[in-house]
Amino acid sequence: MRRKLYLDIDGVLITTKHPQPAYHVVEFIRYIVNNFECYWLTTHCKGDASNVIRYLSSYFEPTIMQDLRTIKPTCWDSLKTEAIDFGSNFYWLDDNPLQVEKCVILQHGKLERLIEVDLSHEEELKRVLERLTTL
């Protein structure tokens, strides 16, 4: 069974200050879609990925958009953790998880599965990629 990867967008793929694709994001996207079963876990997607695709199409070339279209939507209401399958082999990438979401993931004994991303460091996605390749 493939590992699952839950993926935020703003602050993970796109910078939040002066929005643009993060450094090394193309290499990062290609790696995750080829090595994980990927799911959107973002406010841009609550059950339907079409909003995500529209949003990201202004940032990425068509070839990368093909990869991004393979990422599956999730359904959740208030907390992103509602969409996580805690019984699976998963990782969650987010730049700013809520404290209550951290508590939920901790209650499941899976806090190490949350990888917090800080795009203020230019090499951040390389760091995350290195971590994902060693898991």
C-alpha atoms as a PDB file:
ATOM      1  CA  MET A   1       0.000   0.000   0.000  1.00  0.00           C
ATOM      2  CA  ARG A   2       1.370   3.404  -0.973  1.00  0.00           C
ATOM      3  CA  ARG A   3       2.004   6.007   1.656  1.00  0.00           C
ATOM      4  CA  LYS A   4      -0.469   8.864   1.751  1.00  0.00           C
ATOM      5  CA  LEU A   5       0.554  12.496   1.637  1.00  0.00           C
ATOM      6  CA  TYR A   6      -1.848  15.248   2.677  1.00  0.00           C
ATOM      7  CA  LEU A   7      -0.865  18.543   1.120  1.00  0.00           C
ATOM      8  CA  ASP A   8      -1.611  22.167   1.872  1.00  0.00           C
ATOM      9  CA  ILE A   9      -1.057  24.747  -0.888  1.00  0.00           C
ATOM     10  CA  ASP A  10      -0.475  28.246   0.491  1.00  0.00           C
ATOM     11  CA  GLY A  11       2.758  28.217   2.435  1.00  0.00           C
ATOM     12  CA  VAL A  12       3.728  24.799   1.052  1.00  0.00           C
ATOM     13  CA  LEU A  13       3.629  25.010  -2.762  1.00  0.00           C
ATOM     14  CA  ILE A  14       2.956  28.744  -3.104  1.00  0.00           C
ATOM     15  CA  THR A  15       4.593  31.417  -0.962  1.00  0.00           C
ATOM     16  CA  THR A  16       2.169  33.426   1.129  1.00  0.00           C
ATOM     17  CA  LYS A  17       3.972  36.758   0.957  1.00  0.00           C
ATOM     18  CA  HIS A  18       3.985  37.927  -2.679  1.00  0.00           C
ATOM     19  CA  PRO A  19       2.422  34.640  -3.891  1.00  0.00           C
ATOM     20  CA  GLN A  20       4.588  32.675  -6.297  1.00  0.00           C
ATOM     21  CA  PRO A  21       5.691  29.059  -6.672  1.00  0.00           C
ATOM     22  CA  ALA A  22       8.124  28.053  -3.943  1.00  0.00           C
ATOM     23  CA  TYR A  23      11.767  27.345  -4.765  1.00  0.00           C
ATOM     24  CA  HIS A  24      12.277  23.746  -5.948  1.00  0.00           C
ATOM     25  CA  VAL A  25       8.516  23.176  -6.172  1.00  0.00           C
ATOM     26  CA  VAL A  26       8.567  21.477  -9.598  1.00  0.00           C
ATOM     27  CA  GLU A  27      11.073  18.851  -8.446  1.00  0.00           C
ATOM     28  CA  PHE A  28       9.061  18.486  -5.240  1.00  0.00           C
ATOM     29  CA  ILE A  29       5.722  17.985  -7.045  1.00  0.00           C
ATOM     30  CA  ARG A  30       7.191  15.417  -9.412  1.00  0.00           C
ATOM     31  CA  TYR A  31       8.615  13.443  -6.501  1.00  0.00           C
ATOM     32  CA  ILE A  32       5.476  13.387  -4.363  1.00  0.00           C
ATOM     33  CA  VAL A  33       3.042  12.432  -7.136  1.00  0.00           C
ATOM     34  CA  ASN A  34       5.321   9.548  -8.152  1.00  0.00           C
ATOM     35  CA  ASN A  35       5.977   8.256  -4.639  1.00  0.00           C
ATOM     36  CA  PHE A  36       2.819   8.942  -2.629  1.00  0.00           C
ATOM     37  CA  GLU A  37      -0.922   8.710  -2.909  1.00  0.00           C
ATOM     38  CA  CYS A  38      -1.495  12.460  -2.651  1.00  0.00           C
ATOM     39  CA  TYR A  39      -4.501  14.333  -1.254  1.00  0.00           C
ATOM     40  CA  TRP A  40      -5.285  18.038  -1.099  1.00  0.00           C
ATOM     41  CA  LEU A  41      -5.697  19.182   2.492  1.00  0.00           C
ATOM     42  CA  THR A  42      -6.265  22.880   2.002  1.00  0.00           C
ATOM     43  CA  THR A  43      -9.001  25.467   2.338  1.00  0.00           C
ATOM     44  CA  HIS A  44      -9.009  25.578  -1.478  1.00  0.00           C
ATOM     45  CA  CYS A  45     -10.431  22.054  -1.584  1.00  0.00           C
ATOM     46  CA  LYS A  46     -13.277  20.648   0.438  1.00  0.00           C
ATOM     47  CA  GLY A  47     -14.530  17.761  -1.663  1.00  0.00           C
ATOM     48  CA  ASP A  48     -13.907  19.163  -5.142  1.00  0.00           C
ATOM     49  CA  ALA A  49     -10.445  19.669  -6.646  1.00  0.00           C
ATOM     50  CA  SER A  50     -11.619  21.901  -9.508  1.00  0.00           C
ATOM     51  CA  ASN A  51     -11.071  25.070  -7.412  1.00  0.00           C
ATOM     52  CA  VAL A  52      -7.517  23.959  -6.664  1.00  0.00           C
ATOM     53  CA  ILE A  53      -6.782  23.335 -10.334  1.00  0.00           C
ATOM     54  CA  ARG A  54      -8.135  26.746 -11.325  1.00  0.00           C
ATOM     55  CA  TYR A  55      -6.142  28.444  -8.567  1.00  0.00           C
ATOM     56  CA  LEU A  56      -2.859  26.681  -9.348  1.00  0.00           C
ATOM     57  CA  SER A  57      -3.128  27.015 -13.138  1.00  0.00           C
ATOM     58  CA  SER A  58      -2.071  30.663 -12.876  1.00  0.00           C
ATOM     59  CA  TYR A  59       1.179  29.565 -11.196  1.00  0.00           C
ATOM     60  CA  PHE A  60       2.238  26.408 -13.051  1.00  0.00           C
ATOM     61  CA  GLU A  61       2.943  25.231 -16.590  1.00  0.00           C
ATOM     62  CA  PRO A  62       0.550  22.692 -18.187  1.00  0.00           C
ATOM     63  CA  THR A  63       2.967  19.785 -17.696  1.00  0.00           C
ATOM     64  CA  ILE A  64       3.060  20.392 -13.935  1.00  0.00           C
ATOM     65  CA  MET A  65      -0.702  20.896 -13.909  1.00  0.00           C
ATOM     66  CA  GLN A  66      -1.054  17.354 -15.272  1.00  0.00           C
ATOM     67  CA  ASP A  67       0.798  16.095 -12.189  1.00  0.00           C
ATOM     68  CA  LEU A  68      -1.287  18.286  -9.870  1.00  0.00           C
ATOM     69  CA  ARG A  69      -4.522  16.934 -11.380  1.00  0.00           C
ATOM     70  CA  THR A  70      -3.608  13.463 -10.049  1.00  0.00           C
ATOM     71  CA  ILE A  71      -3.901  14.715  -6.454  1.00  0.00           C
ATOM     72  CA  LYS A  72      -7.203  13.678  -4.897  1.00  0.00           C
ATOM     73  CA  PRO A  73      -9.627  15.944  -3.030  1.00  0.00           C
ATOM     74  CA  THR A  74     -10.527  15.560   0.636  1.00  0.00           C
ATOM     75  CA  CYS A  75     -13.705  16.382   2.534  1.00  0.00           C
ATOM     76  CA  TRP A  76     -13.610  18.191   5.864  1.00  0.00           C
ATOM     77  CA  ASP A  77     -15.640  20.831   7.681  1.00  0.00           C
ATOM     78  CA  SER A  78     -13.801  22.620  10.512  1.00  0.00           C
ATOM     79  CA  LEU A  79     -10.499  20.831  11.082  1.00  0.00           C
ATOM     80  CA  LYS A  80      -8.210  19.463   8.403  1.00  0.00           C
ATOM     81  CA  THR A  81      -7.585  16.444  10.613  1.00  0.00           C
ATOM     82  CA  GLU A  82     -11.153  15.303   9.851  1.00  0.00           C
ATOM     83  CA  ALA A  83      -9.889  14.218   6.413  1.00  0.00           C
ATOM     84  CA  ILE A  84      -6.819  12.286   7.590  1.00  0.00           C
ATOM     85  CA  ASP A  85      -6.944   8.484   7.587  1.00  0.00           C
ATOM     86  CA  PHE A  86      -5.094   7.918  10.869  1.00  0.00           C
ATOM     87  CA  GLY A  87      -4.998   4.157  10.262  1.00  0.00           C
ATOM     88  CA  SER A  88      -2.870   4.611   7.151  1.00  0.00           C
ATOM     89  CA  ASN A  89       0.819   5.246   6.592  1.00  0.00           C
ATOM     90  CA  PHE A  90       0.511   9.014   6.055  1.00  0.00           C
ATOM     91  CA  TYR A  91       2.321  12.314   6.248  1.00  0.00           C
ATOM     92  CA  TRP A  92       0.779  15.780   6.358  1.00  0.00           C
ATOM     93  CA  LEU A  93       2.508  18.897   5.014  1.00  0.00           C
ATOM     94  CA  ASP A  94       1.205  22.225   6.291  1.00  0.00           C
ATOM     95  CA  ASP A  95       2.702  25.622   7.009  1.00  0.00           C
ATOM     96  CA  ASN A  96       0.357  26.603   9.805  1.00  0.00           C
ATOM     97  CA  PRO A  97      -1.676  23.805  11.378  1.00  0.00           C
ATOM     98  CA  LEU A  98      -4.069  24.922  14.078  1.00  0.00           C
ATOM     99  CA  GLN A  99      -3.146  24.080  17.661  1.00  0.00           C
ATOM    100  CA  VAL A 100      -6.317  21.996  17.954  1.00  0.00           C
ATOM    101  CA  GLU A 101      -5.302  20.049  14.819  1.00  0.00           C
ATOM    102  CA  LYS A 102      -1.924  19.355  16.418  1.00  0.00           C
ATOM    103  CA  CYS A 103      -3.760  18.112  19.521  1.00  0.00           C
ATOM    104  CA  VAL A 104      -5.895  15.758  17.407  1.00  0.00           C
ATOM    105  CA  ILE A 105      -2.890  14.304  15.609  1.00  0.00           C
ATOM    106  CA  LEU A 106      -1.077  13.976  18.963  1.00  0.00           C
ATOM    107  CA  GLN A 107      -4.076  12.138  20.464  1.00  0.00           C
ATOM    108  CA  HIS A 108      -3.692   9.606  17.629  1.00  0.00           C
ATOM    109  CA  GLY A 109       0.013   9.255  18.478  1.00  0.00           C
ATOM    110  CA  LYS A 110       1.013  10.534  15.034  1.00  0.00           C
ATOM    111  CA  LEU A 111       2.540  13.973  15.677  1.00  0.00           C
ATOM    112  CA  GLU A 112       5.749  12.906  13.890  1.00  0.00           C
ATOM    113  CA  ARG A 113       3.625  12.508  10.722  1.00  0.00           C
ATOM    114  CA  LEU A 114       3.029  16.274  10.596  1.00  0.00           C
ATOM    115  CA  ILE A 115       5.765  18.070   8.674  1.00  0.00           C
ATOM    116  CA  GLU A 116       5.556  21.811   9.167  1.00  0.00           C
ATOM    117  CA  VAL A 117       6.794  23.788   6.170  1.00  0.00           C
ATOM    118  CA  ASP A 118       8.413  27.223   6.424  1.00  0.00           C
ATOM    119  CA  LEU A 119       8.903  28.747   2.979  1.00  0.00           C
ATOM    120  CA  SER A 120      10.735  31.742   4.433  1.00  0.00           C
ATOM    121  CA  HIS A 121      13.788  29.495   3.961  1.00  0.00           C
ATOM    122  CA  GLU A 122      14.636  29.243   0.252  1.00  0.00           C
ATOM    123  CA  GLU A 123      15.771  25.625   0.566  1.00  0.00           C
ATOM    124  CA  GLU A 124      12.720  24.510   2.580  1.00  0.00           C
ATOM    125  CA  LEU A 125      11.208  22.194  -0.031  1.00  0.00           C
ATOM    126  CA  LYS A 126      14.605  20.548  -0.484  1.00  0.00           C
ATOM    127  CA  ARG A 127      14.651  19.909   3.281  1.00  0.00           C
ATOM    128  CA  VAL A 128      11.135  18.468   3.165  1.00  0.00           C
ATOM    129  CA  LEU A 129      12.009  16.376   0.118  1.00  0.00           C
ATOM    130  CA  GLU A 130      15.071  14.960   1.901  1.00  0.00           C
ATOM    131  CA  ARG A 131      12.909  14.051   4.875  1.00  0.00           C
ATOM    132  CA  LEU A 132      10.290  12.386   2.672  1.00  0.00           C
ATOM    133  CA  THR A 133      12.930  10.361   0.815  1.00  0.00           C
ATOM    134  CA  THR A 134      14.329   8.984   4.072  1.00  0.00           C
ATOM    135  CA  LEU A 135      10.976   7.850   5.486  1.00  0.00           C
END
